[in-house]
Protein backbone atom coordinates (compact mmCIF):
# COMPACT_ATOMS: atom_id res chain seq x y z
CA MET A 1 20.54 22.43 95.23
CA HIS A 2 23.46 20.04 95.62
CA GLU A 3 23.59 18.61 99.13
CA ASP A 4 27.38 18.46 99.18
CA GLN A 5 27.68 22.14 98.11
CA VAL A 6 25.42 23.21 100.97
CA GLN A 7 27.41 21.15 103.48
CA THR A 8 30.68 22.66 102.28
CA LEU A 9 29.29 26.18 102.40
CA PHE A 10 27.89 25.62 105.90
CA GLY A 11 31.33 24.41 107.06
CA LYS A 12 32.88 27.65 105.75
CA PHE A 13 30.18 29.65 107.57
CA LEU A 14 31.03 27.95 110.87
CA GLN A 15 34.69 28.81 110.46
CA SER A 16 34.40 32.37 109.10
CA GLN A 17 30.96 33.43 110.38
CA VAL A 18 30.41 35.10 106.98
CA ASP A 19 26.66 34.53 106.83
CA ARG A 20 25.79 35.70 103.34
CA CYS A 21 27.02 35.00 99.82
CA GLU A 22 25.94 35.30 96.23
CA ALA A 23 24.89 32.10 94.46
CA VAL A 24 24.70 31.00 90.81
CA ALA A 25 21.11 30.33 89.72
CA PHE A 26 19.20 29.47 86.57
CA GLY A 27 15.46 29.50 86.04
CA PHE A 28 13.29 27.20 83.94
CA ASP A 29 9.69 27.00 82.73
CA ASN A 30 8.68 30.59 83.41
CA GLY A 31 9.86 30.59 86.97
CA ASP A 32 8.55 27.16 87.97
CA VAL A 33 11.97 25.65 88.69
CA PHE A 34 15.32 27.10 89.69
CA HIS A 35 18.71 25.41 89.98
CA VAL A 36 20.84 27.10 92.63
CA TYR A 37 24.61 26.48 92.95
CA THR A 38 27.20 27.81 95.38
CA SER A 39 29.66 28.14 92.50
CA ARG A 40 29.65 27.85 88.74
CA PRO A 41 28.50 24.27 87.94
CA LYS A 42 30.35 21.69 85.89
CA THR A 43 27.21 20.83 83.99
CA GLN A 44 26.23 22.58 80.76
CA LEU A 45 24.53 25.87 81.64
CA SER A 46 20.90 26.10 80.66
CA GLY A 47 17.86 28.10 81.70
CA TYR A 48 17.97 31.84 82.20
CA PRO A 49 20.36 33.42 84.73
CA CYS A 50 18.89 34.78 87.99
CA THR A 51 20.21 36.85 90.87
CA SER A 52 20.52 34.61 93.90
CA ALA A 53 21.88 34.63 97.42
CA ILE A 54 22.30 32.20 100.34
CA HIS A 55 21.97 33.46 103.92
CA PHE A 56 22.64 31.65 107.22
CA LEU A 57 20.54 32.62 110.25
CA THR A 58 20.58 31.60 113.93
CA THR A 59 16.79 31.22 113.89
CA MET A 60 14.58 30.49 110.87
CA PRO A 61 11.84 33.14 110.49
CA GLU A 62 8.31 31.76 110.53
CA GLY A 63 5.39 32.52 108.23
CA GLU A 64 5.29 35.78 106.26
CA THR A 65 8.33 37.01 108.14
CA GLY A 66 10.42 34.91 105.83
CA CYS A 67 9.36 36.98 102.81
CA ALA A 68 10.35 40.16 104.68
CA VAL A 69 13.78 38.70 105.49
CA ALA A 70 14.29 37.68 101.85
CA THR A 71 13.34 41.19 100.72
CA GLN A 72 15.87 42.75 103.13
CA ILE A 73 18.65 40.43 101.89
CA TYR A 74 17.83 41.14 98.28
CA ASN A 75 17.81 44.92 98.75
CA ALA A 76 21.10 44.77 100.65
CA MET A 77 22.83 42.70 98.01
CA PHE A 78 21.18 43.56 94.72
CA GLY A 79 19.04 46.64 95.31
CA ASN A 80 21.33 48.95 93.37
CA ARG A 81 21.35 46.74 90.29
CA VAL A 82 19.23 47.11 87.16
CA SER A 83 15.85 45.44 87.43
CA HIS A 84 15.43 42.09 85.62
CA PRO A 85 12.38 40.37 84.11
CA VAL A 86 9.86 38.63 86.35
CA ASN A 87 10.95 35.75 88.60
CA THR A 88 14.68 36.26 88.50
CA SER A 89 15.61 36.38 92.18
CA VAL A 90 16.09 33.41 94.48
CA ILE A 91 16.95 33.83 98.17
CA VAL A 92 17.69 30.67 100.19
CA LEU A 93 17.72 30.80 103.99
CA PHE A 94 19.39 28.21 106.25
CA ALA A 95 19.38 27.87 110.02
CA ILE A 96 20.38 25.15 112.51
CA GLN A 97 17.60 24.55 115.01
CA ASP A 98 17.43 21.50 117.32
CA ASN A 99 20.46 20.10 115.46
CA ILE A 100 18.52 20.11 112.17
CA LEU A 101 19.44 22.20 109.15
CA ARG A 102 16.21 24.01 108.30
CA HIS A 103 15.76 25.77 104.96
CA ARG A 104 13.33 28.05 103.17
CA ALA A 105 13.53 29.51 99.63
CA PHE A 106 11.89 32.66 98.30
CA ILE A 107 11.39 33.66 94.68
CA GLY A 108 11.16 37.34 93.81
CA ASN A 109 9.88 39.27 90.83
CA SER A 110 10.95 42.58 89.31
CA GLU A 111 8.55 44.46 91.57
CA GLY A 112 10.31 43.25 94.71
CA GLU A 113 7.56 40.81 95.69
CA PHE A 114 8.61 37.43 97.10
CA HIS A 115 6.69 34.19 97.40
CA GLU A 116 7.90 30.96 98.95
CA GLY A 117 9.07 27.85 97.06
CA SER A 118 10.25 24.45 98.18
CA VAL A 119 13.84 23.22 98.30
CA LYS A 120 14.87 19.85 96.87
CA PHE A 121 18.40 18.51 97.30
CA ILE A 122 20.47 16.54 94.83
CA PRO A 123 21.97 13.80 97.06
CA GLU A 124 25.56 12.84 97.47
CA ARG A 125 27.30 10.34 95.22
CA SER A 126 26.15 7.26 97.15
CA GLU A 127 22.51 7.95 96.36
CA LEU A 128 22.83 8.78 92.65
CA TYR A 129 22.83 5.15 91.55
CA SER A 130 20.75 3.57 94.30
CA ARG A 131 18.52 2.00 91.61
CA SER A 132 21.55 0.03 90.32
CA LYS A 133 22.24 -1.65 93.65
CA GLY A 134 22.11 -5.39 93.36
CA LEU A 135 23.28 -5.20 89.74
CA LEU A 136 26.34 -2.96 89.83
CA GLU A 137 27.43 -1.46 93.12
CA THR A 138 28.85 2.01 92.53
CA SER A 139 32.05 0.99 94.32
CA VAL A 140 32.73 -1.52 91.55
CA LEU A 141 32.91 1.15 88.86
CA GLU A 142 33.55 4.51 90.47
CA ASN A 143 37.34 3.94 90.53
CA CYS A 144 37.52 2.61 86.96
CA LYS A 145 39.07 4.72 84.21
CA ILE A 146 37.72 4.44 80.66
CA GLY A 147 39.34 5.85 77.54
CA ILE A 148 36.93 6.56 74.68
CA VAL A 149 38.42 7.53 71.32
CA GLY A 150 35.86 8.84 68.85
CA LEU A 151 32.84 10.69 70.21
CA GLY A 152 30.46 10.34 67.30
CA SER A 153 26.98 8.84 67.45
CA GLY A 154 28.34 5.54 68.77
CA GLY A 155 31.12 6.65 71.07
CA SER A 156 29.11 9.43 72.66
CA THR A 157 26.22 7.07 73.48
CA VAL A 158 28.68 4.57 75.03
CA ALA A 159 30.19 7.32 77.17
CA LEU A 160 26.79 8.45 78.45
CA GLU A 161 25.63 4.93 79.27
CA LEU A 162 28.84 4.11 81.15
CA ALA A 163 28.50 7.30 83.14
CA LYS A 164 24.91 6.35 83.97
CA ALA A 165 26.15 2.93 85.11
CA GLY A 166 28.51 4.58 87.60
CA VAL A 167 31.94 4.65 85.90
CA GLY A 168 33.88 7.39 87.69
CA ASN A 169 36.73 8.41 85.39
CA PHE A 170 36.83 9.15 81.67
CA VAL A 171 39.38 10.18 79.02
CA LEU A 172 37.56 11.52 75.95
CA ILE A 173 39.55 11.89 72.72
CA ASP A 174 38.26 13.36 69.45
CA PHE A 175 39.34 16.26 67.25
CA ASP A 176 35.98 16.87 65.55
CA ARG A 177 33.48 19.60 66.30
CA LEU A 178 29.76 19.02 66.35
CA GLU A 179 28.15 20.01 63.06
CA LEU A 180 24.53 20.28 62.01
CA GLU A 181 24.68 17.02 60.07
CA ASN A 182 25.69 15.20 63.27
CA VAL A 183 22.72 16.26 65.38
CA ALA A 184 20.18 13.73 64.07
CA ARG A 185 22.20 10.83 65.46
CA HIS A 186 24.34 12.39 68.21
CA ILE A 187 23.45 12.61 71.91
CA CYS A 188 24.23 16.34 71.79
CA GLY A 189 21.89 18.87 70.15
CA THR A 190 21.86 22.18 68.38
CA GLY A 191 22.86 23.98 71.57
CA ASP A 192 26.30 22.39 71.20
CA LEU A 193 26.93 23.22 67.52
CA GLY A 194 30.51 24.30 66.87
CA ARG A 195 31.82 22.85 70.13
CA TYR A 196 34.36 20.06 70.29
CA LYS A 197 32.51 16.77 70.70
CA THR A 198 34.75 15.95 73.67
CA LYS A 199 33.65 18.99 75.64
CA ALA A 200 29.99 18.75 74.67
CA VAL A 201 29.86 15.11 75.76
CA ARG A 202 31.81 15.90 78.91
CA ASP A 203 29.09 18.33 79.97
CA LEU A 204 26.41 15.72 79.42
CA LEU A 205 28.33 13.21 81.57
CA TYR A 206 28.61 15.79 84.36
CA GLY A 207 24.86 16.27 84.09
CA LYS A 208 24.42 12.57 84.87
CA ASN A 209 27.02 12.47 87.61
CA PRO A 210 28.72 15.67 88.79
CA TYR A 211 31.16 13.63 90.88
CA ILE A 212 32.95 11.97 87.99
CA HIS A 213 36.34 13.05 86.58
CA VAL A 214 36.56 13.73 82.85
CA GLN A 215 39.73 14.50 80.92
CA THR A 216 39.31 15.72 77.33
CA ALA A 217 41.83 15.85 74.52
CA GLU A 218 41.12 17.36 71.09
CA VAL A 219 43.73 15.44 69.17
CA ASP A 220 43.86 13.26 66.04
CA ILE A 221 45.21 9.89 67.14
CA ASN A 222 46.78 9.35 63.72
CA GLN A 223 48.76 12.58 64.02
CA ASN A 224 49.43 12.44 67.77
CA LEU A 225 50.01 8.74 68.56
CA GLU A 226 52.52 9.30 71.37
CA GLU A 227 50.27 11.82 73.10
CA THR A 228 47.38 9.38 72.77
CA LYS A 229 49.46 6.67 74.37
CA LEU A 230 50.13 8.86 77.39
CA LEU A 231 46.42 9.66 77.71
CA LEU A 232 45.36 6.00 77.58
CA LYS A 233 48.17 4.05 79.23
CA ASN A 234 46.57 4.06 82.70
CA CYS A 235 43.03 3.24 81.59
CA ASN A 236 41.29 0.04 82.70
CA LEU A 237 39.49 -0.20 79.35
CA ILE A 238 39.56 1.51 75.92
CA ILE A 239 36.54 2.03 73.65
CA ALA A 240 37.42 2.53 69.99
CA GLY A 241 34.68 4.52 68.26
CA THR A 242 36.76 5.98 65.42
CA ASP A 243 35.71 5.87 61.79
CA ASN A 244 38.88 4.77 59.94
CA ASP A 245 41.07 1.70 59.95
CA ARG A 246 44.34 3.51 60.54
CA SER A 247 43.13 4.88 63.86
CA ARG A 248 41.75 1.49 64.82
CA PHE A 249 45.08 -0.20 64.19
CA ASN A 250 46.83 2.51 66.18
CA LEU A 251 44.49 1.79 69.08
CA ASN A 252 45.08 -1.94 68.59
CA SER A 253 48.84 -1.31 68.97
CA ILE A 254 48.23 0.68 72.15
CA ALA A 255 46.06 -2.12 73.50
CA LEU A 256 48.80 -4.69 72.84
CA GLU A 257 51.64 -2.51 74.18
CA TYR A 258 49.97 -1.71 77.49
CA LYS A 259 47.88 -4.89 77.75
CA ILE A 260 44.60 -2.97 77.99
CA THR A 261 41.40 -4.64 76.89
CA THR A 262 39.93 -2.65 74.03
CA ILE A 263 36.48 -2.83 72.42
CA PHE A 264 36.03 -1.84 68.79
CA GLY A 265 32.63 -1.10 67.29
CA ARG A 266 31.50 -0.01 63.85
CA ALA A 267 28.43 0.23 61.62
CA LEU A 268 28.25 -1.07 58.07
CA THR A 269 26.81 0.68 54.98
CA ARG A 270 23.74 2.75 55.90
CA ALA A 271 23.95 1.05 59.30
CA CYS A 272 22.36 -2.10 57.86
CA GLY A 273 24.24 -3.78 60.68
CA GLY A 274 27.56 -3.79 62.40
CA ASP A 275 30.17 -5.66 64.37
CA VAL A 276 31.91 -5.45 67.72
CA LEU A 277 35.35 -6.83 68.56
CA ARG A 278 36.79 -7.25 72.05
CA VAL A 279 40.57 -7.38 72.03
CA ARG A 280 42.04 -8.97 75.13
CA PRO A 281 45.76 -8.67 74.39
CA HIS A 282 47.41 -12.00 73.64
CA GLN A 283 44.45 -13.91 75.12
CA GLY A 284 42.21 -13.65 72.08
CA PRO A 285 42.22 -12.21 68.54
CA CYS A 286 43.49 -8.71 67.96
CA LEU A 287 42.23 -6.36 65.25
CA GLY A 288 44.73 -7.77 62.76
CA CYS A 289 43.53 -11.34 63.37
CA VAL A 290 39.97 -10.43 62.31
CA PHE A 291 40.09 -7.41 60.04
CA THR A 292 41.96 -8.88 57.12
CA LYS A 293 41.71 -7.40 53.64
CA ASP A 294 39.17 -9.99 52.50
CA PHE A 295 37.02 -9.55 55.58
CA LEU A 296 36.94 -5.76 55.31
CA GLU A 297 35.97 -5.98 51.65
CA SER A 298 33.08 -8.32 52.52
CA ARG A 299 31.65 -5.96 55.12
CA GLN A 300 31.75 -2.38 53.89
CA GLU A 301 31.87 0.21 56.62
CA GLU A 302 29.35 3.06 56.80
CA ILE A 303 30.56 6.40 55.42
CA SER A 304 28.87 8.83 57.76
CA GLN A 305 30.51 12.21 57.12
CA PHE A 306 32.20 14.22 54.38
CA ARG A 307 35.65 14.24 55.97
CA GLN A 308 35.66 10.46 56.17
CA SER A 309 34.51 10.06 52.55
CA ARG A 310 36.93 12.74 51.23
CA SER A 311 39.94 11.08 52.87
CA GLU A 312 39.10 7.76 51.18
CA THR A 313 38.38 9.20 47.71
CA PRO A 314 40.97 10.29 45.11
CA ALA A 315 41.63 14.03 45.03
CA TYR A 316 40.39 14.40 41.43
CA VAL A 317 36.84 13.34 42.44
CA PRO A 318 34.69 16.50 42.92
CA ASP A 319 33.30 17.25 46.36
CA GLU A 320 29.70 16.85 45.12
CA GLU A 321 30.40 13.33 44.02
CA VAL A 322 32.08 12.60 47.35
CA LYS A 323 29.01 13.85 49.23
CA ALA A 324 26.85 11.51 47.21
CA THR A 325 28.72 8.53 48.71
CA ILE A 326 27.67 9.45 52.29
CA GLN A 327 24.91 7.11 53.34
CA VAL A 328 24.05 6.97 57.00
CA GLY A 329 21.61 4.92 59.03
CA LEU A 330 19.24 6.01 61.76
CA ALA A 331 20.28 6.64 65.33
CA SER A 332 18.14 3.63 66.29
CA ASP A 333 20.36 1.53 64.00
CA ILE A 334 23.47 2.62 65.88
CA LEU A 335 22.01 1.99 69.35
CA PRO A 336 22.18 -1.86 69.31
CA ILE A 337 25.87 -1.68 68.50
CA SER A 338 26.53 0.89 71.20
CA ASN A 339 24.51 -1.15 73.67
CA MET A 340 26.57 -4.31 72.99
CA ILE A 341 29.77 -2.29 73.53
CA VAL A 342 28.38 -1.09 76.87
CA LYS A 343 27.47 -4.62 77.91
CA LEU A 344 30.94 -5.94 77.06
CA ALA A 345 32.55 -3.00 78.83
CA LEU A 346 30.58 -3.55 82.05
CA VAL A 347 31.40 -7.25 81.96
CA GLU A 348 35.13 -6.47 81.63
CA LEU A 349 35.09 -3.82 84.34
CA SER A 350 33.25 -6.00 86.83
CA ARG A 351 35.01 -9.27 85.95
CA GLY A 352 36.01 -11.13 89.08
CA LYS A 353 34.07 -8.68 91.31
CA ALA A 354 30.76 -9.21 93.07
CA SER A 355 28.02 -7.92 90.77
CA GLY A 356 24.59 -8.86 89.58
CA ILE A 357 25.73 -9.10 85.94
CA SER A 358 28.44 -11.70 86.51
CA SER A 359 26.29 -14.30 84.74
CA LEU A 360 26.95 -12.42 81.47
CA GLU A 361 30.56 -13.60 81.67
CA GLU A 362 29.24 -17.05 80.76
CA ASP A 363 27.19 -15.68 77.86
CA LEU A 364 29.59 -13.14 76.32
CA VAL A 365 32.49 -15.55 75.85
CA ALA A 366 33.04 -14.73 72.19
CA ASP A 367 35.35 -11.85 71.27
CA PHE A 368 33.71 -10.98 67.95
CA TYR A 369 29.96 -10.27 67.41
CA LEU A 370 27.81 -9.62 64.39
CA TRP A 371 24.52 -7.69 64.26
CA GLY A 372 22.07 -7.10 61.44
CA ASN A 373 19.51 -4.25 61.33
CA ARG A 374 17.99 -4.89 57.88
CA ARG A 375 18.08 -7.50 55.11
CA GLU A 376 20.24 -5.52 52.71
CA ASN A 377 23.86 -5.38 51.54
CA THR A 378 25.80 -7.91 53.69
CA TYR A 379 22.52 -9.37 55.00
CA ALA A 380 20.49 -9.30 51.77
CA SER A 381 20.43 -13.09 51.44
CA TRP A 382 19.41 -13.80 55.03
CA PRO A 383 15.90 -15.28 55.48
CA LYS A 384 13.12 -13.18 56.95
CA MET A 385 13.04 -13.01 60.73
CA GLU A 386 9.32 -13.88 61.09
CA TYR A 387 9.01 -16.66 63.65
CA ASN A 388 12.26 -18.52 62.98
CA PHE A 389 14.84 -18.96 65.67
CA ASN A 390 17.09 -21.65 64.16
CA THR A 391 18.36 -19.74 61.11
CA PRO A 392 20.45 -16.57 60.75
CA SER A 393 18.24 -13.53 61.20
CA ILE A 394 18.46 -9.77 61.46
CA LEU A 395 17.84 -8.03 64.81
CA ARG A 396 19.89 -10.66 66.63
CA TRP A 397 23.48 -10.84 67.84
CA TYR A 398 25.77 -13.65 66.81
CA GLY A 399 28.97 -14.46 68.63
CA ALA A 400 31.72 -15.77 66.36
CA ASN A 401 34.29 -18.26 67.62
CA TRP A 402 37.32 -16.37 66.34
CA GLU A 403 40.70 -17.53 67.64
CA ARG A 404 43.88 -15.56 67.82
CA SER A 405 46.01 -16.10 64.70
CA LEU A 406 49.60 -17.08 65.51
CA SER A 407 50.55 -15.84 62.04
CA CYS A 408 48.84 -12.46 62.53
CA PRO A 409 51.11 -9.66 61.20
CA VAL A 410 50.31 -7.64 64.30
CA CYS A 411 50.17 -9.94 67.34
CA GLY A 412 51.49 -13.24 65.90
CA GLU A 413 54.28 -15.04 67.74
CA GLN A 414 56.83 -14.34 65.00
CA HIS A 415 56.09 -10.61 65.10
CA GLU A 416 56.73 -7.88 67.60
CA PRO A 417 53.44 -6.80 69.21
CA LEU A 418 53.88 -3.26 67.91
CA ILE A 419 53.93 -2.16 64.26
CA ASP A 420 55.25 0.98 62.69
CA GLU A 421 53.18 3.20 60.39
CA THR A 422 54.59 1.76 57.18
CA GLU A 423 53.82 -1.80 58.17
CA GLN A 424 50.42 -0.76 59.39
CA ASP A 425 49.44 0.71 56.02
CA ASN A 426 50.37 -2.58 54.34
CA ILE A 427 48.59 -4.95 56.73
CA PHE A 428 45.63 -5.56 54.43
CA ALA A 429 47.88 -6.87 51.69
CA SER A 430 49.07 -9.72 53.90
C-alpha cells in the first residue's frame, strides 16, 4: 500500500467518521502478493482484480479474532456478489493504539476462509530515491521539467532513466503507436501493443515514481509546430529522439527561440554507432552548425521502421523493396547512446547546483560526441579495439571540439535565429 494514500484516507476518516470503504486491489503470483490502492492507480494496471476493503477500528482485534472481523466486513460489503476464484479478497484493518497506527491484512478465498498476510508500505516521495543521496538530491531534480520528443527505443529509455534519477515533470510528445516490430528494442512490451507510445511510457514512469507529473501529446511536430512550441516553451531541457531531420531542425528552432538547451541523439545504420549533440543556444554549435549536407552523407542514419523508410523513398518504389531497406541494431546498441544523453541531461539539470556529479561538468565539455558499436560502415576502417588506448576504437566515446559557425544558415550572426519551412528544407544545400 502507498503510505500517503493511507494517511489521506485516515484524515478523511477522522473528519467524517466513515470507517469503511472499498479499495482497488490486484493480485499476483497465485495470491502471494496483492497491491491495494485507495483509488484507481496512475500506474499501468497488472495482476488480476480482487475485491478489497479498508476498515478503521478503535481497537485492533488480536489473534484469530482478526479473521472473524475480516469475514464480517467481507460479508457486509461483498456477500451478495458472485463468488470469485480463490484468493481474490483482501481486507485491511487499521486502528490507532498508543498513538501508533496499527494494521493487519487478511486474504480470503472463494469459500469465505481468511488467513493473515503482512502489510508493506510504499514510502513517501522523500524515500523513493534515498539510494541516490550524495549523488543527486531529489530536490535538485524534482522541480525540473523535461520535454522528450520521440518515444522510440532511445527516447523511451531516456525518459525512464531520468524518472529513475528523480526528475519530477515530463512532457512526452510522439504520434506513433507501439507495434509488434518495436517491442524487441522498446522499454514497453506486448501488453502495450496498439497504445500510443506516450501513454505507454507515461505509465512506466508512474511505476517508477507515482509522484511525478507527466503531460502527453500525440502530435506530429512537423504538422503541429506551434502546438509543440507551447508544450515545450517552459521546459528546462528538451530531448530530441525523433527519426527525421525535419523534426530535428524544428526542435533546433524551438531551442534557439526559447533559449532551451536541447540534446539530440541518433543511431547510424544498423546501430553500428551513433552521435549525440548538445545545443546550448548561441553558446555552442546548433544543429545546423554540425549537420551539414556533407556530414549527414558521411554518417548514414539508421532506418528503423517502415514509416520512416517509406517517407524517404520515392512513391514508385514498391513497399516490399522499402521494407528491405529497414536495418535495425540491437537494443544493447542503442543503450550507450541513450545513456550518454541521460548523462548530459543530468549534468545540464544540476549545473551550478550542489550534486555529486558536478565533476562531470569538467569532463563533458564538448557539445558533440561520437560512439562506435562495431567496426562496420562508418567505422569499418578503425583498428581493432584489443588493448589499444591511443588510437580510435569502437566501444568508446569521443568528444569533438565543434565550434559554433558564425556563417551557419540557422544560428549565424547574419541570420535570424528562426527559419521558415522552405528555408529549412534547403539547409543541406548550403
